[in-house]
Amino acid sequence: MIHAGTKLDDEGKVVSAGGRVLAVVALGTDLVEARERAYDGVELVQLDGSQFRTDIGGKAARGEIKVQTPGAPAATKAKA
């Protein structure tokens, strides 16, 4: 298990110490599906007072930015 922003309570249990404590990730057939699955996973987490971002991957999912496919050649800049 990998975690951050945690501490042991008086009973030796791992509890949140504030800040970012979890990263939820998922796979899908494309970025949109993977993003949806990751946010489905976020809904399963129950931490009192927790918050989460809703914008992660949003621009790429909407086609506003391009995400390079692993193994694809990098884009090159045209010379002026």
Protein backbone atom coordinates (compact mmCIF):
# COMPACT_ATOMS: atom_id res chain seq x y z
CA MET A 1 0.00 0.00 0.00
CA ILE A 2 1.23 3.46 -0.85
CA HIS A 3 -0.18 6.40 1.04
CA ALA A 4 0.79 9.87 2.17
CA GLY A 5 -0.59 12.44 4.57
CA THR A 6 -1.30 9.71 7.10
CA LYS A 7 -0.40 8.96 10.70
CA LEU A 8 -1.00 6.29 13.32
CA ASP A 9 -3.67 7.03 15.90
CA ASP A 10 -3.46 6.02 19.58
CA GLU A 11 -4.64 2.51 18.66
CA GLY A 12 -2.05 2.09 15.90
CA LYS A 13 -4.54 2.51 13.06
CA VAL A 14 -3.61 4.48 9.95
CA VAL A 15 -5.67 7.67 9.78
CA SER A 16 -5.61 10.80 7.66
CA ALA A 17 -3.28 13.57 8.77
CA GLY A 18 -4.64 15.95 6.13
CA GLY A 19 -3.59 16.83 2.64
CA ARG A 20 -3.64 14.44 -0.30
CA VAL A 21 -3.84 10.93 1.06
CA LEU A 22 -5.05 8.77 -1.84
CA ALA A 23 -4.71 8.50 -5.59
CA VAL A 24 -7.51 6.60 -7.31
CA VAL A 25 -6.67 5.29 -10.77
CA ALA A 26 -8.45 3.08 -13.30
CA LEU A 27 -8.08 1.58 -16.75
CA GLY A 28 -10.51 1.79 -19.65
CA THR A 29 -10.70 1.33 -23.39
CA ASP A 30 -10.04 5.06 -23.74
CA LEU A 31 -9.35 8.08 -21.54
CA VAL A 32 -13.03 8.91 -21.07
CA GLU A 33 -13.85 5.41 -19.77
CA ALA A 34 -10.76 5.29 -17.54
CA ARG A 35 -11.65 8.68 -16.06
CA GLU A 36 -15.25 7.59 -15.40
CA ARG A 37 -14.06 4.40 -13.71
CA ALA A 38 -11.60 6.31 -11.54
CA TYR A 39 -14.32 8.66 -10.34
CA ASP A 40 -16.56 5.62 -9.67
CA GLY A 41 -13.75 4.43 -7.40
CA VAL A 42 -13.58 7.80 -5.65
CA GLU A 43 -17.25 7.39 -4.72
CA LEU A 44 -16.33 4.23 -2.77
CA VAL A 45 -13.94 6.12 -0.46
CA GLN A 46 -15.44 7.31 2.82
CA LEU A 47 -13.31 9.81 4.77
CA ASP A 48 -14.91 12.35 7.07
CA GLY A 49 -14.42 15.84 5.64
CA SER A 50 -12.79 14.54 2.46
CA GLN A 51 -12.72 16.47 -0.78
CA PHE A 52 -11.68 15.51 -4.29
CA ARG A 53 -11.00 17.25 -7.56
CA THR A 54 -13.39 16.78 -10.46
CA ASP A 55 -11.23 18.27 -13.19
CA ILE A 56 -8.49 15.64 -13.50
CA GLY A 57 -8.24 14.61 -17.16
CA GLY A 58 -11.28 16.68 -18.10
CA LYS A 59 -9.62 18.83 -20.76
CA ALA A 60 -8.14 15.78 -22.47
CA ALA A 61 -11.45 13.89 -22.26
CA ARG A 62 -13.20 16.85 -23.93
CA GLY A 63 -10.55 17.01 -26.67
CA GLU A 64 -9.25 20.41 -25.51
CA ILE A 65 -5.69 19.09 -25.21
CA LYS A 66 -3.95 16.15 -26.80
CA VAL A 67 -2.50 13.28 -24.81
CA GLN A 68 0.30 11.37 -26.47
CA THR A 69 -0.41 7.68 -26.92
CA PRO A 70 2.29 5.51 -25.35
CA GLY A 71 4.68 4.30 -28.02
CA ALA A 72 3.59 6.91 -30.56
CA PRO A 73 6.27 9.22 -31.94
CA ALA A 74 6.44 12.61 -30.28
CA ALA A 75 5.05 15.57 -32.20
CA THR A 76 7.68 17.75 -33.79
CA LYS A 77 7.61 21.50 -34.18
CA ALA A 78 7.81 22.89 -37.69
CA LYS A 79 10.79 25.12 -38.35
CA ALA A 80 10.02 28.67 -39.39
